[in-house]
């Protein structure tokens, strides 16, 4: 068998040792066109080692005990066919003997072709890249390929691999590596470099330019999915895997925070982070805002798996949780994973962090060590400190205990401004943990995005009780300085105290059986949408104000 340049190779494509060095010297190692055009941000994650092996060896790294083999392109400069050295890719098979470092890996030749007779068998209707990238046979996440004919995932492409076997048994020949995004024809083994496959790469790994990100707020166009459904980028429904509506409403609300969304749409912004949660959140953000999806909804399955792992199953599929607890955990975890130093800032703190002045008045008898130290003469111990916050909790007045003359419980209503008095620096809030104390709060710095939490649920040893009090709040132009004292601005600085509502999470039903939905604003048209899992519908701003608000996000006027 002869190579085009005249070099002899054996049946397996092995270059004789006497020729190998000269072939490598004459060749210039360079990635294929497809790998240059598309870079998967999850490619560098330490805990996601399913890189296509020729990529690892090209970089001169050692993996699984095998020493690298340099990639060499054929010396010919033919655009239609390029001969490239590849690893055998049979490492997925358990029965293959291990090789020593001295022996190295066997190398075989494969070519890159622009034409493939099987491209018309690709079925985009069955492709779904929202789920975990695990082989459907071995359940391994290493070196996984998706069959572009039936949509199933298989490991490897060597002669002993599951993808190779599937290609022979089912007659399905086109496969894409789910990490490197390279497309191959099996069992022939050549790489397919065809621009018609770019839409599949875009769905597998959506990507945005900075110019596209800047135009998102102005975009009013609907997109049409492959299944014929119309959807608005950024307003797509999320699958409720099982009792995961608390995650869906949180994600839909955070997607309205423009700086946060823009940050996660560009993977280069967080490529330094090795956190799977960060990259899965970014991947989900890009899928929600992608205008070329194959379907009009997105499944947050991979993100939920990352949440379960990062939270040590505190939040998991099949168990209902509280959006307040989840959003608090999520923002703090993302901040920790994104900051580059112990005192480092992050996009999370830039958007949501404010500052409170907290004054505690503690009875001396409530602190035993104070009495032991002879401080018993002081009846009240006062402590003052400033602390950051990401969310403000508002207390609701207790509901009435008795029914009215119509034998119905009156649902009370309270203005939002009454609940905000808690932060005027004078109103007293009594707490019992860690000590009995009287607390006074005052806001000393406002965040760009203000998250408010209505304390609707109270827990005791027997059950959870829900407070049905309605909170009357403005959808636009919430002016805080009229209701709580704020610090005077610095020189040449303007104090921004006016806010607009951009997201409102609502709880419906009983505490143990209820569900969550979200009202969110589409800025490009200033319209409001109600979102509950896959259900997305336009609604009136008046309907937003009539709901049992639970979590709200306000945007500061700039």
Protein backbone atom coordinates (compact mmCIF):
# COMPACT_ATOMS: atom_id res chain seq x y z
CA UNK A 1 0.00 0.00 0.00
CA UNK A 2 1.35 3.44 -0.91
CA UNK A 3 0.75 6.87 0.48
CA UNK A 4 0.22 9.67 -2.06
CA UNK A 5 3.68 11.02 -1.35
CA UNK A 6 5.26 7.67 -2.27
CA UNK A 7 5.85 6.39 1.30
CA UNK A 8 4.99 2.74 1.93
CA UNK A 9 2.62 1.85 4.75
CA UNK A 10 1.27 -1.49 5.85
CA UNK A 11 -2.36 -2.56 6.02
CA UNK A 12 -2.94 -0.89 9.37
CA UNK A 13 -1.41 2.37 8.10
CA UNK A 14 1.82 1.99 10.10
CA UNK A 15 4.80 3.92 8.73
CA UNK A 16 8.04 1.90 8.85
CA UNK A 17 10.39 3.16 11.56
CA UNK A 18 12.99 4.22 9.04
CA UNK A 19 10.51 6.55 7.32
CA UNK A 20 8.54 7.83 10.28
CA UNK A 21 10.92 10.55 11.44
CA UNK A 22 11.33 12.00 7.93
CA UNK A 23 7.55 12.06 7.41
CA UNK A 24 7.07 13.93 10.68
CA UNK A 25 9.77 16.47 9.83
CA UNK A 26 8.27 17.20 6.41
CA UNK A 27 4.80 17.63 7.84
CA UNK A 28 3.48 20.64 9.67
CA UNK A 29 1.09 19.68 12.51
CA UNK A 30 -2.09 21.71 12.34
CA UNK A 31 -5.65 21.06 13.49
CA UNK A 32 -8.39 20.30 11.03
CA UNK A 33 -10.56 23.15 9.73
CA UNK A 34 -13.46 22.07 11.89
CA UNK A 35 -11.47 22.23 15.11
CA UNK A 36 -10.24 25.70 14.21
CA UNK A 37 -13.70 27.03 13.59
CA UNK A 38 -15.37 25.60 16.68
CA UNK A 39 -13.91 25.28 20.13
CA UNK A 40 -15.87 23.57 22.86
CA UNK A 41 -15.51 25.45 26.19
CA UNK A 42 -15.87 22.16 28.11
CA UNK A 43 -12.83 20.78 26.29
CA UNK A 44 -10.40 21.81 29.04
CA UNK A 45 -12.35 20.65 32.09
CA UNK A 46 -10.26 18.45 34.33
CA UNK A 47 -13.11 16.11 35.19
CA UNK A 48 -14.30 15.69 31.60
CA UNK A 49 -11.51 13.72 30.01
CA UNK A 50 -13.34 12.41 26.97
CA UNK A 51 -11.11 14.33 24.54
CA UNK A 52 -10.68 12.77 21.17
CA UNK A 53 -7.35 11.10 21.58
CA UNK A 54 -5.63 12.61 18.57
CA UNK A 55 -6.25 16.04 20.15
CA UNK A 56 -4.52 15.00 23.36
CA UNK A 57 -1.57 13.49 21.57
CA UNK A 58 -1.27 16.47 19.27
CA UNK A 59 -0.60 18.61 22.33
CA UNK A 60 2.07 16.20 23.52
CA UNK A 61 0.21 15.12 26.65
CA UNK A 62 0.23 11.70 28.25
CA UNK A 63 -3.10 10.00 28.93
CA UNK A 64 -4.00 6.56 30.28
CA UNK A 65 -0.34 5.54 30.43
CA UNK A 66 0.26 5.88 26.69
CA UNK A 67 2.92 8.18 25.37
CA UNK A 68 1.91 10.76 22.80
CA UNK A 69 2.37 10.38 19.08
CA UNK A 70 2.90 13.50 16.97
CA UNK A 71 0.22 14.28 14.43
CA UNK A 72 1.51 14.76 10.94
CA UNK A 73 -0.29 15.95 7.87
CA UNK A 74 0.55 14.53 4.52
CA UNK A 75 3.06 16.65 2.65
CA UNK A 76 0.60 17.14 -0.19
CA UNK A 77 -1.48 20.32 -0.06
CA UNK A 78 -4.69 18.90 -1.48
CA UNK A 79 -7.80 20.67 -0.15
CA UNK A 80 -10.08 17.75 -0.83
CA UNK A 81 -8.17 14.99 0.96
CA UNK A 82 -5.69 15.28 3.79
CA UNK A 83 -3.98 12.22 5.24
CA UNK A 84 -3.51 12.49 9.01
CA UNK A 85 -2.03 10.20 11.63
CA UNK A 86 -4.55 9.09 14.25
CA UNK A 87 -4.53 6.89 17.32
CA UNK A 88 -6.20 3.54 16.98
CA UNK A 89 -9.02 4.66 19.29
CA UNK A 90 -9.52 1.10 20.47
CA UNK A 91 -8.68 2.05 24.03
CA UNK A 92 -12.36 1.88 24.86
CA UNK A 93 -12.26 -1.91 24.64
CA UNK A 94 -11.55 -3.66 27.91
CA UNK A 95 -9.89 -6.66 26.26
CA UNK A 96 -7.09 -4.72 24.54
CA UNK A 97 -3.72 -5.33 26.23
CA UNK A 98 -2.01 -2.35 27.85
CA UNK A 99 1.10 -1.03 26.07
CA UNK A 100 4.23 0.30 27.72
CA UNK A 101 5.64 3.81 27.35
CA UNK A 102 8.52 2.45 25.29
CA UNK A 103 6.22 0.78 22.80
CA UNK A 104 3.95 3.84 22.41
CA UNK A 105 0.63 3.71 20.61
CA UNK A 106 0.02 2.09 17.24
CA UNK A 107 -0.64 4.74 14.63
CA UNK A 108 -2.85 4.47 11.60
CA UNK A 109 -3.57 6.87 8.78
CA UNK A 110 -6.90 8.52 8.19
CA UNK A 111 -8.02 11.11 5.71
CA UNK A 112 -10.15 14.22 5.76
CA UNK A 113 -12.74 14.43 3.00
CA UNK A 114 -15.22 17.08 2.00
CA UNK A 115 -17.54 14.68 0.27
CA UNK A 116 -19.34 11.76 1.91
CA UNK A 117 -22.04 9.63 0.27
CA UNK A 118 -23.84 9.19 3.59
CA UNK A 119 -24.52 12.83 4.44
CA UNK A 120 -28.10 12.51 3.23
CA UNK A 121 -28.75 9.92 5.97
CA UNK A 122 -28.21 12.50 8.73
CA UNK A 123 -31.51 13.00 10.58
CA UNK A 124 -31.61 16.28 12.50
CA UNK A 125 -35.08 15.53 13.84
CA UNK A 126 -33.72 12.89 16.26
CA UNK A 127 -30.70 14.85 17.50
CA UNK A 128 -30.86 15.98 21.12
CA UNK A 129 -27.69 17.22 22.80
CA UNK A 130 -29.31 18.37 26.08
CA UNK A 131 -28.68 15.13 27.92
CA UNK A 132 -25.54 13.77 29.53
CA UNK A 133 -22.87 12.64 27.10
CA UNK A 134 -22.73 8.97 28.11
CA UNK A 135 -22.34 5.94 25.86
CA UNK A 136 -25.68 4.10 25.65
CA UNK A 137 -23.86 0.74 25.94
CA UNK A 138 -20.90 1.20 28.28
CA UNK A 139 -22.32 4.23 30.19
CA UNK A 140 -18.88 5.85 29.94
CA UNK A 141 -18.42 9.56 29.28
CA UNK A 142 -14.97 9.13 27.73
CA UNK A 143 -14.59 9.73 24.00
CA UNK A 144 -18.32 9.64 23.18
CA UNK A 145 -19.74 9.99 19.67
CA UNK A 146 -23.33 10.72 18.64
CA UNK A 147 -24.78 8.81 15.72
CA UNK A 148 -26.22 11.52 13.44
CA UNK A 149 -28.66 9.00 11.93
CA UNK A 150 -30.44 7.73 15.07
CA UNK A 151 -29.22 10.20 17.72
CA UNK A 152 -27.81 7.58 20.13
CA UNK A 153 -24.45 7.98 21.90
CA UNK A 154 -21.63 5.47 21.54
CA UNK A 155 -18.08 5.31 22.79
CA UNK A 156 -14.99 5.36 20.57
CA UNK A 157 -14.63 4.73 16.87
CA UNK A 158 -11.88 2.06 16.77
CA UNK A 159 -12.55 -1.43 15.45
CA UNK A 160 -13.48 -2.75 18.89
CA UNK A 161 -15.59 0.25 19.89
CA UNK A 162 -19.35 0.50 20.32
CA UNK A 163 -19.75 3.17 17.62
CA UNK A 164 -17.88 1.00 15.12
CA UNK A 165 -20.07 -2.00 15.99
CA UNK A 166 -23.22 0.10 15.66
CA UNK A 167 -22.13 1.32 12.23
CA UNK A 168 -21.86 -2.28 11.02
CA UNK A 169 -25.01 -3.60 12.66
CA UNK A 170 -27.37 -0.69 11.93
CA UNK A 171 -25.79 0.67 8.75
CA UNK A 172 -25.46 4.16 10.31
CA UNK A 173 -22.28 5.79 9.09
CA UNK A 174 -22.02 9.44 10.25
CA UNK A 175 -20.84 10.24 13.81
CA UNK A 176 -19.81 13.40 15.64
CA UNK A 177 -17.41 13.52 18.56
CA UNK A 178 -19.38 15.29 21.30
CA UNK A 179 -16.35 17.15 22.57
CA UNK A 180 -14.08 17.94 19.63
CA UNK A 181 -17.11 18.35 17.28
CA UNK A 182 -15.30 16.45 14.52
CA UNK A 183 -17.48 14.31 12.24
CA UNK A 184 -16.40 10.88 11.01
CA UNK A 185 -17.67 8.23 8.65
CA UNK A 186 -17.63 4.70 10.10
CA UNK A 187 -16.56 2.02 9.49
CA UNK A 188 -14.39 3.70 6.81
CA UNK A 189 -12.81 5.95 9.44
CA UNK A 190 -12.25 9.16 7.48
CA UNK A 191 -13.12 12.59 8.83
CA UNK A 192 -15.85 14.59 7.10
CA UNK A 193 -15.21 18.29 6.63
CA UNK A 194 -18.46 19.64 5.18
CA UNK A 195 -19.98 23.08 5.93
CA UNK A 196 -23.49 21.58 5.87
CA UNK A 197 -22.75 20.07 9.29
CA UNK A 198 -22.05 23.43 10.94
CA UNK A 199 -25.67 23.81 12.10
CA UNK A 200 -25.30 20.58 14.10
CA UNK A 201 -22.11 21.91 15.69
CA UNK A 202 -23.94 25.13 16.59
CA UNK A 203 -26.70 23.17 18.35
CA UNK A 204 -24.19 20.93 20.14
CA UNK A 205 -22.18 23.92 21.30
CA UNK A 206 -23.94 27.28 20.67
CA UNK A 207 -21.58 30.22 20.26
CA UNK A 208 -21.96 33.98 20.15
CA UNK A 209 -19.77 36.83 19.00
CA UNK A 210 -19.56 40.01 21.06
CA UNK A 211 -21.49 41.81 18.33
CA UNK A 212 -24.32 39.28 18.53
CA UNK A 213 -24.43 39.57 22.31
CA UNK A 214 -24.71 43.35 22.04
CA UNK A 215 -27.70 43.06 19.69
CA UNK A 216 -29.75 40.65 21.84
CA UNK A 217 -31.67 43.42 23.62
CA UNK A 218 -32.75 44.85 20.25
CA UNK A 219 -33.75 41.58 18.62
CA UNK A 220 -37.52 41.27 18.06
CA UNK A 221 -37.41 38.40 15.58
CA UNK A 222 -38.92 35.00 16.24
CA UNK A 223 -36.94 31.89 15.36
CA UNK A 224 -38.30 28.75 13.75
CA UNK A 225 -37.15 25.41 15.10
CA UNK A 226 -36.55 22.36 12.93
CA UNK A 227 -39.84 20.83 14.13
CA UNK A 228 -41.74 23.83 12.75
CA UNK A 229 -42.44 25.52 16.08
CA UNK A 230 -41.75 29.23 16.55
CA UNK A 231 -39.90 30.50 19.59
CA UNK A 232 -38.31 33.65 20.93
CA UNK A 233 -34.58 33.32 21.73
CA UNK A 234 -34.28 33.78 25.49
CA UNK A 235 -37.96 32.94 26.02
CA UNK A 236 -37.82 29.18 25.52
CA UNK A 237 -39.47 26.71 27.88
CA UNK A 238 -37.44 24.42 30.15
CA UNK A 239 -38.31 20.76 30.69
CA UNK A 240 -39.43 19.85 34.20
CA UNK A 241 -37.39 16.67 34.64
CA UNK A 242 -39.22 15.78 37.87
CA UNK A 243 -40.07 18.31 40.57
CA UNK A 244 -37.46 20.69 39.15
CA UNK A 245 -39.69 23.73 38.61
CA UNK A 246 -37.78 25.51 41.39
CA UNK A 247 -34.66 25.35 39.18
CA UNK A 248 -36.52 26.42 36.04
CA UNK A 249 -37.99 29.60 37.53
CA UNK A 250 -34.60 30.54 38.99
CA UNK A 251 -32.85 30.10 35.64
CA UNK A 252 -35.55 32.00 33.74
CA UNK A 253 -35.29 34.89 36.19
CA UNK A 254 -31.48 35.07 36.12
CA UNK A 255 -31.57 35.10 32.32
CA UNK A 256 -33.07 38.63 32.53
CA UNK A 257 -29.97 39.99 34.29
CA UNK A 258 -28.19 41.44 31.26
CA UNK A 259 -24.54 41.59 32.53
CA UNK A 260 -24.80 38.07 33.94
CA UNK A 261 -26.26 36.70 30.72
CA UNK A 262 -23.70 38.49 28.52
CA UNK A 263 -20.85 37.20 30.67
CA UNK A 264 -21.92 33.56 30.32
CA UNK A 265 -22.65 33.82 26.59
CA UNK A 266 -18.90 34.22 25.94
CA UNK A 267 -17.03 31.11 27.27
CA UNK A 268 -13.69 32.93 27.17
CA UNK A 269 -14.87 34.99 30.16
CA UNK A 270 -14.77 31.96 32.46
CA UNK A 271 -12.36 29.59 30.73
CA UNK A 272 -10.04 29.92 33.76
CA UNK A 273 -12.61 28.17 35.97
CA UNK A 274 -12.37 24.42 36.38
CA UNK A 275 -15.87 24.18 37.86
CA UNK A 276 -18.28 21.94 35.96
CA UNK A 277 -21.19 23.94 37.41
CA UNK A 278 -19.88 27.19 35.90
CA UNK A 279 -19.47 25.67 32.43
CA UNK A 280 -22.84 23.89 32.54
CA UNK A 281 -24.54 27.14 33.56
CA UNK A 282 -22.83 28.89 30.64
CA UNK A 283 -23.82 26.10 28.26
CA UNK A 284 -27.46 26.32 29.39
CA UNK A 285 -27.40 30.11 28.99
CA UNK A 286 -26.15 29.81 25.41
CA UNK A 287 -28.80 27.21 24.55
CA UNK A 288 -31.62 29.39 25.93
CA UNK A 289 -30.51 32.40 23.86
CA UNK A 290 -29.53 30.46 20.73
CA UNK A 291 -31.52 31.41 17.62
CA UNK A 292 -30.79 28.22 15.64
CA UNK A 293 -32.11 25.46 17.90
CA UNK A 294 -33.59 22.28 16.45
CA UNK A 295 -36.50 22.49 18.91
CA UNK A 296 -38.37 25.24 20.72
CA UNK A 297 -37.45 24.17 24.25
CA UNK A 298 -34.35 23.27 26.24
CA UNK A 299 -33.76 20.50 28.77
CA UNK A 300 -31.56 21.54 31.75
CA UNK A 301 -30.59 17.91 32.37
CA UNK A 302 -26.80 18.35 32.28
CA UNK A 303 -27.01 21.48 34.44
CA UNK A 304 -29.12 19.59 37.00
CA UNK A 305 -26.53 16.80 37.15
CA UNK A 306 -23.84 19.40 37.84
CA UNK A 307 -26.07 20.95 40.54
CA UNK A 308 -26.59 17.58 42.23
CA UNK A 309 -22.86 16.93 42.29
CA UNK A 310 -21.81 20.42 43.41
CA UNK A 311 -24.49 20.62 46.13
CA UNK A 312 -23.78 17.05 47.32
CA UNK A 313 -27.41 16.16 46.52
CA UNK A 314 -28.85 18.99 48.56
CA UNK A 315 -30.77 19.86 45.40
CA UNK A 316 -31.68 16.87 43.26
CA UNK A 317 -34.10 15.65 40.62
CA UNK A 318 -37.36 14.31 42.05
CA UNK A 319 -37.30 16.35 45.27
CA UNK A 320 -39.04 19.73 45.43
CA UNK A 321 -36.91 22.51 46.91
CA UNK A 322 -37.22 26.20 47.66
CA UNK A 323 -36.16 28.69 44.95
CA UNK A 324 -34.85 31.04 47.66
CA UNK A 325 -32.49 28.39 49.01
CA UNK A 326 -31.49 27.40 45.49
CA UNK A 327 -30.77 30.88 44.16
CA UNK A 328 -28.78 31.70 47.32
CA UNK A 329 -26.69 28.54 46.96
CA UNK A 330 -26.27 28.98 43.20
CA UNK A 331 -25.09 32.60 43.34
CA UNK A 332 -22.64 31.94 46.17
CA UNK A 333 -21.25 28.81 44.50
CA UNK A 334 -20.85 30.51 41.13
CA UNK A 335 -19.07 33.41 42.83
CA UNK A 336 -16.70 31.07 44.66
CA UNK A 337 -15.92 29.15 41.47
CA UNK A 338 -15.42 32.28 39.36
CA UNK A 339 -13.26 34.48 41.58
CA UNK A 340 -9.55 34.29 40.91
CA UNK A 341 -8.33 35.17 44.42
CA UNK A 342 -9.61 35.02 48.00
CA UNK A 343 -10.72 38.64 47.85
CA UNK A 344 -11.48 38.52 44.16
CA UNK A 345 -14.57 39.98 42.60
CA UNK A 346 -16.90 38.17 40.20
CA UNK A 347 -19.77 38.94 37.87
CA UNK A 348 -22.11 37.68 40.63
CA UNK A 349 -20.99 40.30 43.13
CA UNK A 350 -20.88 43.00 40.45
CA UNK A 351 -24.57 42.42 39.74
CA UNK A 352 -26.14 41.53 43.09
CA UNK A 353 -23.95 42.55 46.02
CA UNK A 354 -25.11 45.37 48.26
CA UNK A 355 -24.19 46.34 51.81
CA UNK A 356 -26.12 46.55 55.08
CA UNK A 357 -25.36 48.21 58.39
CA UNK A 358 -26.56 45.88 61.14
CA UNK A 359 -26.98 47.03 64.75
CA UNK A 360 -27.53 44.32 67.37
CA UNK A 361 -28.86 45.04 70.86
CA UNK A 362 -28.28 41.95 72.98
CA UNK A 363 -29.35 41.60 76.66
CA UNK A 364 -26.22 40.91 78.71
CA UNK A 365 -27.88 37.97 80.48
CA UNK A 366 -28.33 36.26 77.10
CA UNK A 367 -24.53 35.85 76.76
CA UNK A 368 -23.13 33.73 79.65
CA UNK A 369 -19.49 34.67 79.03
CA UNK A 370 -20.33 38.34 79.48
CA UNK A 371 -21.67 37.65 82.97
CA UNK A 372 -18.59 35.62 83.84
CA UNK A 373 -16.38 38.54 82.81
CA UNK A 374 -18.14 40.83 85.25
CA UNK A 375 -20.16 42.73 82.67
CA UNK A 376 -23.42 42.11 84.45
CA UNK A 377 -23.92 45.82 85.14
CA UNK A 378 -24.51 46.45 81.46
CA UNK A 379 -28.09 45.51 80.64
CA UNK A 380 -27.76 45.91 76.86
CA UNK A 381 -24.75 45.17 74.69
CA UNK A 382 -24.83 46.99 71.38
CA UNK A 383 -22.84 45.80 68.37
CA UNK A 384 -22.64 47.37 64.93
CA UNK A 385 -21.15 45.99 61.73
CA UNK A 386 -21.42 46.25 57.99
CA UNK A 387 -22.06 43.13 55.98
CA UNK A 388 -22.62 42.37 52.28
CA UNK A 389 -25.87 40.89 50.98
CA UNK A 390 -27.09 39.29 47.78
CA UNK A 391 -30.78 39.23 48.74
CA UNK A 392 -33.06 41.11 51.14
CA UNK A 393 -35.68 39.13 53.08
CA UNK A 394 -38.98 40.97 53.69
CA UNK A 395 -41.32 39.98 56.54
CA UNK A 396 -45.04 39.74 55.80
CA UNK A 397 -47.74 40.59 58.40
CA UNK A 398 -49.43 37.48 59.82
CA UNK A 399 -52.70 36.48 58.13
CA UNK A 400 -55.98 36.83 60.10
CA UNK A 401 -56.87 33.93 62.39
CA UNK A 402 -60.65 34.27 62.15
CA UNK A 403 -63.13 34.22 59.27
CA UNK A 404 -65.28 37.18 58.34
CA UNK A 405 -69.08 37.32 58.31
CA UNK A 406 -69.13 35.54 54.94
CA UNK A 407 -67.32 32.58 56.55
CA UNK A 408 -64.28 33.20 54.41
CA UNK A 409 -60.75 34.09 55.33
CA UNK A 410 -59.83 37.57 54.14
CA UNK A 411 -56.56 37.58 52.22
CA UNK A 412 -54.74 40.65 53.52
CA UNK A 413 -52.74 42.99 51.30
CA UNK A 414 -49.69 45.00 52.20
CA UNK A 415 -47.77 47.62 50.20
CA UNK A 416 -44.18 46.75 49.38
CA UNK A 417 -43.10 50.00 51.04
CA UNK A 418 -44.40 48.77 54.42
CA UNK A 419 -42.23 45.67 54.23
CA UNK A 420 -39.20 47.75 53.22
CA UNK A 421 -39.42 49.71 56.50
CA UNK A 422 -37.44 46.87 58.02
CA UNK A 423 -34.36 48.52 56.44
CA UNK A 424 -34.95 52.12 57.54
CA UNK A 425 -32.37 51.87 60.35
CA UNK A 426 -35.00 52.46 63.06
CA UNK A 427 -37.50 49.60 62.87
CA UNK A 428 -36.65 46.78 65.28
CA UNK A 429 -36.64 43.11 64.30
CA UNK A 430 -36.45 40.58 67.11
CA UNK A 431 -34.44 37.39 66.58
CA UNK A 432 -33.73 34.40 68.81
CA UNK A 433 -30.67 32.87 67.11
CA UNK A 434 -27.86 32.66 67.95
CA UNK A 435 -28.93 34.89 70.90
CA UNK A 436 -32.07 36.79 71.72
CA UNK A 437 -31.47 40.22 70.20
CA UNK A 438 -33.10 43.31 68.76
CA UNK A 439 -31.84 44.06 65.25
CA UNK A 440 -31.88 47.23 63.20
CA UNK A 441 -30.92 47.25 59.51
CA UNK A 442 -29.98 50.06 57.16
CA UNK A 443 -28.94 49.79 53.51
CA UNK A 444 -25.58 51.50 52.97
CA UNK A 445 -24.95 50.45 49.37
CA UNK A 446 -27.47 49.48 46.70
CA UNK A 447 -26.70 46.76 44.14
CA UNK A 448 -27.26 47.09 40.43
CA UNK A 449 -29.80 44.26 40.63
CA UNK A 450 -31.86 44.02 43.81
CA UNK A 451 -33.28 40.61 44.79
CA UNK A 452 -36.20 40.69 47.25
CA UNK A 453 -37.55 37.62 49.03
CA UNK A 454 -41.01 37.57 50.66
CA UNK A 455 -40.90 35.30 53.70
CA UNK A 456 -44.08 33.34 52.94
CA UNK A 457 -43.21 30.03 54.57
CA UNK A 458 -42.71 29.31 58.26
CA UNK A 459 -41.61 25.90 59.48
CA UNK A 460 -42.17 24.23 62.82
CA UNK A 461 -41.76 20.70 64.10
CA UNK A 462 -44.99 19.50 62.51
CA UNK A 463 -45.71 21.28 59.23
CA UNK A 464 -44.92 24.17 56.89
CA UNK A 465 -47.34 27.09 56.89
CA UNK A 466 -47.78 29.52 54.00
CA UNK A 467 -48.69 33.18 54.41
CA UNK A 468 -51.08 34.14 51.54
CA UNK A 469 -50.69 37.92 52.04
CA UNK A 470 -50.60 39.79 48.74
CA UNK A 471 -47.82 42.34 48.30
CA UNK A 472 -48.70 45.41 46.23
CA UNK A 473 -45.63 46.52 44.32
CA UNK A 474 -44.88 48.76 41.33
CA UNK A 475 -43.72 47.09 38.13
CA UNK A 476 -41.82 50.22 37.07
CA UNK A 477 -40.10 53.08 38.87
CA UNK A 478 -39.72 51.72 42.39
CA UNK A 479 -38.15 54.71 44.18
CA UNK A 480 -36.34 53.47 47.29
CA UNK A 481 -35.13 56.79 48.66
CA UNK A 482 -38.72 57.78 49.50
CA UNK A 483 -39.07 54.88 51.93
CA UNK A 484 -35.67 54.00 53.36
CA UNK A 485 -32.72 56.28 54.22
CA UNK A 486 -29.80 55.84 51.86
CA UNK A 487 -26.19 57.04 52.13
CA UNK A 488 -25.29 60.32 50.49
CA UNK A 489 -23.36 59.85 47.23
CA UNK A 490 -19.65 60.54 46.90
CA UNK A 491 -18.27 63.47 44.96
CA UNK A 492 -19.03 63.40 41.24
CA UNK A 493 -21.26 60.39 41.83
CA UNK A 494 -24.99 60.14 41.28
CA UNK A 495 -27.06 58.04 43.66
CA UNK A 496 -29.26 55.69 41.63
CA UNK A 497 -32.30 54.69 43.70
CA UNK A 498 -34.95 53.93 41.08
CA UNK A 499 -35.64 50.34 40.00
CA UNK A 500 -37.77 48.44 37.48
CA UNK A 501 -39.04 44.89 38.00
CA UNK A 502 -37.60 42.38 35.51
CA UNK A 503 -38.54 39.01 37.09
CA UNK A 504 -41.14 37.80 39.60
CA UNK A 505 -41.26 34.22 40.95
CA UNK A 506 -44.66 33.09 42.22
CA UNK A 507 -45.77 30.11 44.32
CA UNK A 508 -49.22 28.60 43.71
CA UNK A 509 -51.07 26.10 45.88
CA UNK A 510 -50.36 24.50 49.24
CA UNK A 511 -46.87 24.60 50.75
CA UNK A 512 -46.26 20.88 50.25
CA UNK A 513 -48.09 20.45 46.94
CA UNK A 514 -47.66 23.77 45.17
CA UNK A 515 -45.73 24.71 42.06
CA UNK A 516 -43.65 27.67 40.91
CA UNK A 517 -43.95 29.92 37.87
CA UNK A 518 -42.19 33.08 36.81
CA UNK A 519 -43.14 36.36 35.18
CA UNK A 520 -40.27 37.81 33.18
CA UNK A 521 -39.84 40.88 31.00
CA UNK A 522 -38.65 40.85 27.40
CA UNK A 523 -36.73 44.10 27.15
CA UNK A 524 -36.66 44.43 23.37
CA UNK A 525 -40.45 44.92 23.31
CA UNK A 526 -41.10 45.68 26.99
CA UNK A 527 -43.58 42.82 27.11
CA UNK A 528 -44.21 40.43 30.00
CA UNK A 529 -44.29 36.65 29.68
CA UNK A 530 -45.53 34.00 32.06
CA UNK A 531 -43.23 30.97 32.14
CA UNK A 532 -43.99 27.65 33.82
CA UNK A 533 -41.70 24.87 32.63
CA UNK A 534 -42.54 24.36 28.93
CA UNK A 535 -45.47 26.77 29.02
CA UNK A 536 -44.58 30.26 27.75
CA UNK A 537 -47.27 32.86 27.08
CA UNK A 538 -47.52 36.63 26.88
CA UNK A 539 -49.33 38.33 29.75
CA UNK A 540 -50.30 41.80 30.96
CA UNK A 541 -48.21 43.77 33.47
CA UNK A 542 -51.33 44.04 35.66
CA UNK A 543 -51.38 40.25 36.05
CA UNK A 544 -47.83 40.33 37.38
CA UNK A 545 -48.86 42.62 40.23
CA UNK A 546 -51.82 40.39 41.22
CA UNK A 547 -49.72 37.32 41.98
CA UNK A 548 -48.39 35.94 45.26
CA UNK A 549 -44.87 37.23 44.76
CA UNK A 550 -42.15 35.12 46.36
CA UNK A 551 -38.85 36.28 44.79
CA UNK A 552 -38.38 39.45 42.77
CA UNK A 553 -35.44 40.87 40.81
CA UNK A 554 -35.31 44.64 40.23
CA UNK A 555 -32.98 46.40 37.81
CA UNK A 556 -31.46 49.74 38.71
CA UNK A 557 -32.00 52.69 36.38
CA UNK A 558 -28.69 53.63 34.76
